[in-house]
Amino acid sequence: MSGPARWKSIALRLWRVAVLAAAVFAIRRSHQPAALELTVERVRDFFPAAAVLTPQNGMQAVKDASGITLGHVMQTSPEADDIIGYSGPTNTLIALDSRGRVLGLRILRSADTTDHVAEVVGERSFFKQFTNKKPAEMADLRVDAVSGATLTSSAIAEGVLRRLGKSATTSLRFPDAITLDDT
């Protein structure tokens, strides 16, 4: 191959690699729900008297107009963005009362399948499994997944538990080790 033809071939290969890298970056970025800026309006369902949010120990303290702390809120993103349900991660809001007990959860954003997320949202008992519990009480929590959205609901639960400090020794989505016989 002559000099100019050789350089043209190398340039074409480099261009192809660059396009492939850009495509991989774009796909990867589209599957990562970034943490949202939490606002008073987003947490008002849990804290009707909320007036201001202030950063505190990796969470946001929710305070009323007189400065009294009503509770705390946090998101599962970015700490749990690597936990994928059926097709993507989910960023979940966790609201804690002033005693540190879970008031409730709300999905803020999900890259998972819309139908699966809708199944989880429609199953109120899924979210109630976490309410009125302190993070320390969740060490042995046995989470019931939503039928028809098992991977999605298990991934959401795993993200919440991770964010609350529960050691992720096993996956809720795949609790048993995968063996060669399974492939």
Protein backbone atom coordinates (compact mmCIF):
# COMPACT_ATOMS: atom_id res chain seq x y z
CA MET A 1 0.00 0.00 0.00
CA SER A 2 1.39 3.40 -0.97
CA GLY A 3 2.01 6.20 1.53
CA PRO A 4 -1.11 8.36 0.92
CA ALA A 5 -3.41 5.31 0.70
CA ARG A 6 -1.96 3.94 3.93
CA TRP A 7 -2.57 7.21 5.79
CA LYS A 8 -6.08 7.40 4.39
CA SER A 9 -6.76 3.87 5.69
CA ILE A 10 -5.39 4.77 9.14
CA ALA A 11 -7.46 7.97 9.25
CA LEU A 12 -10.60 6.03 8.31
CA ARG A 13 -9.97 3.50 11.09
CA LEU A 14 -9.39 6.25 13.64
CA TRP A 15 -12.59 7.97 12.54
CA ARG A 16 -14.53 4.69 12.97
CA VAL A 17 -13.08 4.20 16.47
CA ALA A 18 -14.01 7.79 17.39
CA VAL A 19 -17.60 7.31 16.16
CA LEU A 20 -17.90 4.03 18.08
CA ALA A 21 -16.54 5.67 21.26
CA ALA A 22 -19.00 8.56 20.89
CA ALA A 23 -21.90 6.12 20.43
CA VAL A 24 -20.90 4.12 23.52
CA PHE A 25 -20.57 7.35 25.54
CA ALA A 26 -23.99 8.58 24.37
CA ILE A 27 -25.71 5.27 25.20
CA ARG A 28 -24.03 5.05 28.59
CA ARG A 29 -24.93 8.64 29.43
CA SER A 30 -28.57 8.13 28.42
CA HIS A 31 -28.90 5.29 30.95
CA GLN A 32 -27.65 7.26 33.93
CA PRO A 33 -30.31 9.25 35.74
CA ALA A 34 -28.49 12.21 37.18
CA ALA A 35 -29.36 13.35 40.66
CA LEU A 36 -31.96 16.09 40.56
CA GLU A 37 -31.82 19.31 42.46
CA LEU A 38 -34.21 18.79 45.32
CA THR A 39 -36.60 21.64 45.93
CA VAL A 40 -39.09 22.40 48.68
CA GLU A 41 -41.90 21.70 46.21
CA ARG A 42 -40.57 18.17 45.56
CA VAL A 43 -40.62 17.27 49.26
CA ARG A 44 -43.78 19.08 50.33
CA ASP A 45 -45.90 15.90 50.13
CA PHE A 46 -43.81 14.50 52.97
CA PHE A 47 -43.23 17.82 54.78
CA PRO A 48 -46.18 20.22 54.26
CA ALA A 49 -44.52 22.90 56.45
CA ALA A 50 -41.21 22.76 54.58
CA ALA A 51 -39.70 26.16 53.85
CA VAL A 52 -36.04 25.46 53.09
CA LEU A 53 -33.62 22.62 52.34
CA THR A 54 -30.04 22.77 53.59
CA PRO A 55 -27.18 20.32 52.91
CA GLN A 56 -26.32 18.20 55.93
CA ASN A 57 -24.18 15.02 56.08
CA GLY A 58 -24.80 13.89 52.50
CA MET A 59 -28.53 14.64 52.70
CA GLN A 60 -30.75 17.68 52.79
CA ALA A 61 -32.24 18.85 56.08
CA VAL A 62 -35.85 19.96 55.66
CA LYS A 63 -36.65 22.99 57.82
CA ASP A 64 -39.79 24.99 58.47
CA ALA A 65 -40.01 28.78 58.33
CA SER A 66 -38.69 29.14 61.88
CA GLY A 67 -35.64 26.97 61.16
CA ILE A 68 -36.79 23.83 62.98
CA THR A 69 -35.62 20.63 61.31
CA LEU A 70 -38.62 18.56 60.24
CA GLY A 71 -36.62 15.70 58.76
CA HIS A 72 -34.20 14.85 55.96
CA VAL A 73 -34.34 13.85 52.32
CA MET A 74 -31.86 12.12 50.05
CA GLN A 75 -31.70 10.56 46.61
CA THR A 76 -30.37 7.18 45.57
CA SER A 77 -28.47 8.80 42.70
CA PRO A 78 -25.52 8.84 42.13
CA GLU A 79 -24.63 6.22 44.79
CA ALA A 80 -26.90 3.55 43.30
CA ASP A 81 -26.72 4.42 39.60
CA ASP A 82 -24.91 1.15 38.89
CA ILE A 83 -27.95 -0.87 40.04
CA ILE A 84 -29.91 -1.65 36.90
CA GLY A 85 -33.48 -2.97 36.94
CA TYR A 86 -34.87 -4.44 33.75
CA SER A 87 -33.26 -1.83 31.50
CA GLY A 88 -31.89 1.06 33.54
CA PRO A 89 -31.28 2.67 36.93
CA THR A 90 -33.85 4.57 38.98
CA ASN A 91 -33.31 7.64 41.15
CA THR A 92 -35.54 7.46 44.21
CA LEU A 93 -36.26 10.16 46.81
CA ILE A 94 -36.08 8.94 50.41
CA ALA A 95 -37.79 11.06 53.07
CA LEU A 96 -36.86 10.56 56.74
CA ASP A 97 -38.72 12.06 59.69
CA SER A 98 -36.96 13.90 62.52
CA ARG A 99 -36.34 10.58 64.32
CA GLY A 100 -34.63 9.08 61.26
CA ARG A 101 -37.52 6.81 60.25
CA VAL A 102 -38.51 6.49 56.60
CA LEU A 103 -41.60 8.59 55.87
CA GLY A 104 -41.81 7.44 52.30
CA LEU A 105 -40.23 7.02 48.89
CA ARG A 106 -40.89 8.59 45.50
CA ILE A 107 -39.39 7.82 42.12
CA LEU A 108 -37.79 11.00 40.81
CA ARG A 109 -36.49 9.69 37.50
CA SER A 110 -36.01 6.29 35.91
CA ALA A 111 -34.22 4.95 32.85
CA ASP A 112 -36.02 1.65 33.32
CA THR A 113 -38.90 0.38 31.20
CA THR A 114 -41.90 2.72 31.53
CA ASP A 115 -44.40 -0.12 31.96
CA HIS A 116 -42.34 -1.74 34.72
CA VAL A 117 -41.93 1.54 36.59
CA ALA A 118 -45.70 2.11 36.28
CA GLU A 119 -46.31 -1.34 37.81
CA VAL A 120 -44.09 -0.46 40.78
CA VAL A 121 -45.66 2.98 41.27
CA GLY A 122 -49.13 1.41 41.14
CA GLU A 123 -48.26 -1.09 43.88
CA ARG A 124 -48.39 1.10 46.99
CA SER A 125 -47.56 -1.81 49.30
CA PHE A 126 -44.10 -1.97 47.73
CA PHE A 127 -43.17 1.46 49.10
CA LYS A 128 -44.89 0.85 52.44
CA GLN A 129 -42.37 -1.93 53.19
CA PHE A 130 -39.84 0.78 54.01
CA THR A 131 -41.99 3.23 55.98
CA ASN A 132 -41.62 3.74 59.71
CA LYS A 133 -38.30 1.91 59.74
CA LYS A 134 -34.89 3.29 60.66
CA PRO A 135 -32.00 2.38 58.36
CA ALA A 136 -30.54 0.10 61.06
CA GLU A 137 -33.80 -1.86 61.16
CA MET A 138 -33.50 -2.69 57.47
CA ALA A 139 -30.49 -4.96 57.84
CA ASP A 140 -32.73 -8.04 57.67
CA LEU A 141 -35.59 -6.54 55.66
CA ARG A 142 -37.01 -9.05 53.23
CA VAL A 143 -38.35 -6.96 50.35
CA ASP A 144 -41.34 -8.24 48.40
CA ALA A 145 -40.86 -7.41 44.72
CA VAL A 146 -43.72 -6.35 42.46
CA SER A 147 -45.02 -9.18 40.30
CA GLY A 148 -44.58 -8.29 36.63
CA ALA A 149 -41.80 -5.83 37.50
CA THR A 150 -39.55 -8.00 39.65
CA LEU A 151 -36.19 -6.75 38.34
CA THR A 152 -37.28 -3.11 38.39
CA SER A 153 -38.75 -3.20 41.91
CA SER A 154 -35.85 -5.25 43.28
CA ALA A 155 -33.37 -2.76 41.81
CA ILE A 156 -35.27 0.17 43.34
CA ALA A 157 -35.27 -1.57 46.73
CA GLU A 158 -31.57 -2.40 46.43
CA GLY A 159 -30.78 1.25 45.62
CA VAL A 160 -32.80 2.49 48.59
CA LEU A 161 -31.14 0.02 50.95
CA ARG A 162 -27.69 0.93 49.66
CA ARG A 163 -28.37 4.64 50.09
CA LEU A 164 -29.56 4.00 53.64
CA GLY A 165 -26.28 2.25 54.39
CA LYS A 166 -27.29 -1.39 54.19
CA SER A 167 -24.37 -3.52 53.10
CA ALA A 168 -24.96 -4.91 49.64
CA THR A 169 -23.61 -8.40 50.25
CA THR A 170 -26.07 -9.93 47.81
CA SER A 171 -28.11 -8.58 44.97
CA LEU A 172 -31.86 -8.45 45.50
CA ARG A 173 -32.27 -8.96 41.77
CA PHE A 174 -30.02 -12.02 41.60
CA PRO A 175 -29.64 -13.38 45.15
CA ASP A 176 -28.23 -16.72 44.03
CA ALA A 177 -24.80 -17.01 42.42
CA ILE A 178 -24.91 -17.63 38.69
CA THR A 179 -23.20 -20.87 37.72
CA LEU A 180 -21.98 -22.23 34.40
CA ASP A 181 -24.96 -24.59 34.38
CA ASP A 182 -27.25 -21.53 34.28
CA THR A 183 -25.77 -20.22 31.05
